[in-house]
C-alpha atoms as a PDB file:
ATOM      1  CA  UNK A   1     -55.235 146.182 108.389  1.00  0.00           C
ATOM      2  CA  UNK A   2     -56.104 144.391 105.975  1.00  0.00           C
ATOM      3  CA  UNK A   3     -56.921 147.042 102.155  1.00  0.00           C
ATOM      4  CA  UNK A   4     -55.900 148.032  99.470  1.00  0.00           C
ATOM      5  CA  UNK A   5     -53.845 151.488 100.773  1.00  0.00           C
ATOM      6  CA  UNK A   6     -51.748 149.315 103.207  1.00  0.00           C
ATOM      7  CA  UNK A   7     -50.647 146.786  99.920  1.00  0.00           C
ATOM      8  CA  UNK A   8     -50.024 149.944  97.810  1.00  0.00           C
ATOM      9  CA  UNK A   9     -47.843 150.819 100.778  1.00  0.00           C
ATOM     10  CA  UNK A  10     -46.174 147.632 101.000  1.00  0.00           C
ATOM     11  CA  UNK A  11     -46.018 147.857  97.104  1.00  0.00           C
ATOM     12  CA  UNK A  12     -43.421 150.849  97.504  1.00  0.00           C
ATOM     13  CA  UNK A  13     -42.450 149.891 100.642  1.00  0.00           C
ATOM     14  CA  UNK A  14     -40.872 146.873  99.049  1.00  0.00           C
ATOM     15  CA  UNK A  15     -39.650 148.628  95.907  1.00  0.00           C
ATOM     16  CA  UNK A  16     -37.365 150.961  98.023  1.00  0.00           C
ATOM     17  CA  UNK A  17     -36.302 147.480  99.636  1.00  0.00           C
ATOM     18  CA  UNK A  18     -35.381 146.104  96.339  1.00  0.00           C
ATOM     19  CA  UNK A  19     -33.470 149.181  94.916  1.00  0.00           C
ATOM     20  CA  UNK A  20     -31.464 148.684  98.146  1.00  0.00           C
ATOM     21  CA  UNK A  21     -29.784 145.729  97.772  1.00  0.00           C
ATOM     22  CA  UNK A  22     -32.213 144.526 101.105  1.00  0.00           C
ATOM     23  CA  UNK A  23     -34.009 141.409  98.459  1.00  0.00           C
ATOM     24  CA  UNK A  24     -35.014 139.169 101.278  1.00  0.00           C
ATOM     25  CA  UNK A  25     -36.946 142.511 103.585  1.00  0.00           C
ATOM     26  CA  UNK A  26     -38.494 143.532  99.924  1.00  0.00           C
ATOM     27  CA  UNK A  27     -39.674 139.869  99.550  1.00  0.00           C
ATOM     28  CA  UNK A  28     -40.939 139.303 102.697  1.00  0.00           C
ATOM     29  CA  UNK A  29     -43.176 143.091 101.838  1.00  0.00           C
ATOM     30  CA  UNK A  30     -44.194 141.609  98.241  1.00  0.00           C
ATOM     31  CA  UNK A  31     -45.062 138.725  99.759  1.00  0.00           C
ATOM     32  CA  UNK A  32     -47.295 139.749 102.258  1.00  0.00           C
ATOM     33  CA  UNK A  33     -48.774 142.160  99.620  1.00  0.00           C
ATOM     34  CA  UNK A  34     -49.941 139.144  97.963  1.00  0.00           C
ATOM     35  CA  UNK A  35     -51.201 137.282 100.806  1.00  0.00           C
ATOM     36  CA  UNK A  36     -53.625 140.735 101.458  1.00  0.00           C
ATOM     37  CA  UNK A  37     -54.008 141.047  98.364  1.00  0.00           C
ATOM     38  CA  UNK A  38     -56.350 137.112  98.234  1.00  0.00           C
ATOM     39  CA  UNK A  39     -57.678 137.606 101.431  1.00  0.00           C
ATOM     40  CA  UNK A  40     -59.038 140.955 100.520  1.00  0.00           C
ATOM     41  CA  UNK A  41     -59.264 139.115  96.713  1.00  0.00           C
ATOM     42  CA  UNK A  42     -57.908 142.516  94.947  1.00  0.00           C
ATOM     43  CA  UNK A  43     -56.773 140.963  91.390  1.00  0.00           C
ATOM     44  CA  UNK A  44     -54.485 144.067  91.004  1.00  0.00           C
ATOM     45  CA  UNK A  45     -52.913 143.225  93.918  1.00  0.00           C
ATOM     46  CA  UNK A  46     -52.488 140.162  93.393  1.00  0.00           C
ATOM     47  CA  UNK A  47     -51.075 141.400  90.262  1.00  0.00           C
ATOM     48  CA  UNK A  48     -48.919 143.701  91.346  1.00  0.00           C
ATOM     49  CA  UNK A  49     -47.671 141.750  94.216  1.00  0.00           C
ATOM     50  CA  UNK A  50     -46.293 139.175  91.610  1.00  0.00           C
ATOM     51  CA  UNK A  51     -45.063 141.888  89.359  1.00  0.00           C
ATOM     52  CA  UNK A  52     -42.378 142.524  92.421  1.00  0.00           C
ATOM     53  CA  UNK A  53     -42.041 139.247  93.258  1.00  0.00           C
ATOM     54  CA  UNK A  54     -40.858 137.898  90.141  1.00  0.00           C
ATOM     55  CA  UNK A  55     -38.222 141.443  89.708  1.00  0.00           C
ATOM     56  CA  UNK A  56     -36.993 139.793  93.333  1.00  0.00           C
ATOM     57  CA  UNK A  57     -37.095 136.402  91.489  1.00  0.00           C
ATOM     58  CA  UNK A  58     -34.922 137.523  88.847  1.00  0.00           C
ATOM     59  CA  UNK A  59     -32.301 139.822  91.072  1.00  0.00           C
ATOM     60  CA  UNK A  60     -32.145 137.598  93.597  1.00  0.00           C
ATOM     61  CA  UNK A  61     -32.141 134.131  91.523  1.00  0.00           C
ATOM     62  CA  UNK A  62     -34.911 132.313  93.664  1.00  0.00           C
ATOM     63  CA  UNK A  63     -37.678 130.162  91.893  1.00  0.00           C
ATOM     64  CA  UNK A  64     -41.308 131.978  92.187  1.00  0.00           C
ATOM     65  CA  UNK A  65     -43.696 129.463  94.271  1.00  0.00           C
ATOM     66  CA  UNK A  66     -46.970 128.413  92.734  1.00  0.00           C
ATOM     67  CA  UNK A  67     -49.192 131.030  93.647  1.00  0.00           C
ATOM     68  CA  UNK A  68     -45.699 133.596  92.829  1.00  0.00           C
ATOM     69  CA  UNK A  69     -45.960 132.887  89.344  1.00  0.00           C
ATOM     70  CA  UNK A  70     -48.024 135.862  87.086  1.00  0.00           C
ATOM     71  CA  UNK A  71     -51.635 134.067  85.529  1.00  0.00           C
ATOM     72  CA  UNK A  72     -51.769 131.416  89.494  1.00  0.00           C
ATOM     73  CA  UNK A  73     -55.029 130.184  89.788  1.00  0.00           C
ATOM     74  CA  UNK A  74     -55.493 130.557  93.304  1.00  0.00           C
ATOM     75  CA  UNK A  75     -58.843 130.528  94.622  1.00  0.00           C
ATOM     76  CA  UNK A  76     -59.829 131.123  98.434  1.00  0.00           C
ATOM     77  CA  UNK A  77     -63.783 128.967  98.932  1.00  0.00           C
ATOM     78  CA  UNK A  78     -65.625 132.213  98.518  1.00  0.00           C
ATOM     79  CA  UNK A  79     -64.580 133.302  94.207  1.00  0.00           C
ATOM     80  CA  UNK A  80     -66.415 132.351  92.070  1.00  0.00           C
ATOM     81  CA  UNK A  81     -65.541 130.170  88.583  1.00  0.00           C
ATOM     82  CA  UNK A  82     -66.039 133.063  86.329  1.00  0.00           C
ATOM     83  CA  UNK A  83     -66.785 130.413  83.407  1.00  0.00           C
ATOM     84  CA  UNK A  84     -66.843 131.648  79.435  1.00  0.00           C
ATOM     85  CA  UNK A  85     -68.472 130.100  76.882  1.00  0.00           C
ATOM     86  CA  UNK A  86     -67.489 130.573  72.530  1.00  0.00           C
ATOM     87  CA  UNK A  87     -71.240 130.636  70.620  1.00  0.00           C
ATOM     88  CA  UNK A  88     -70.593 130.050  66.622  1.00  0.00           C
ATOM     89  CA  UNK A  89     -72.903 130.919  64.938  1.00  0.00           C
END
């Protein structure tokens, strides 16, 4: 049930609901998409869900939750931490 394809469908559905004025329904679908994206560890689906949630937030004047903010670093126990090192010569 949890897949990138399911996320893509939720994205389209959330967009349709948002543009027809059903902001609560759009939020529910986008939030579900974000949760699934985090579960399947798909950075692209997480990014898209957060963009939709941001659009809904602007239209509804509802603040975003911390994990809905672009760049939020919600990690599961399975997600490795990546450290970048700068080397100067």
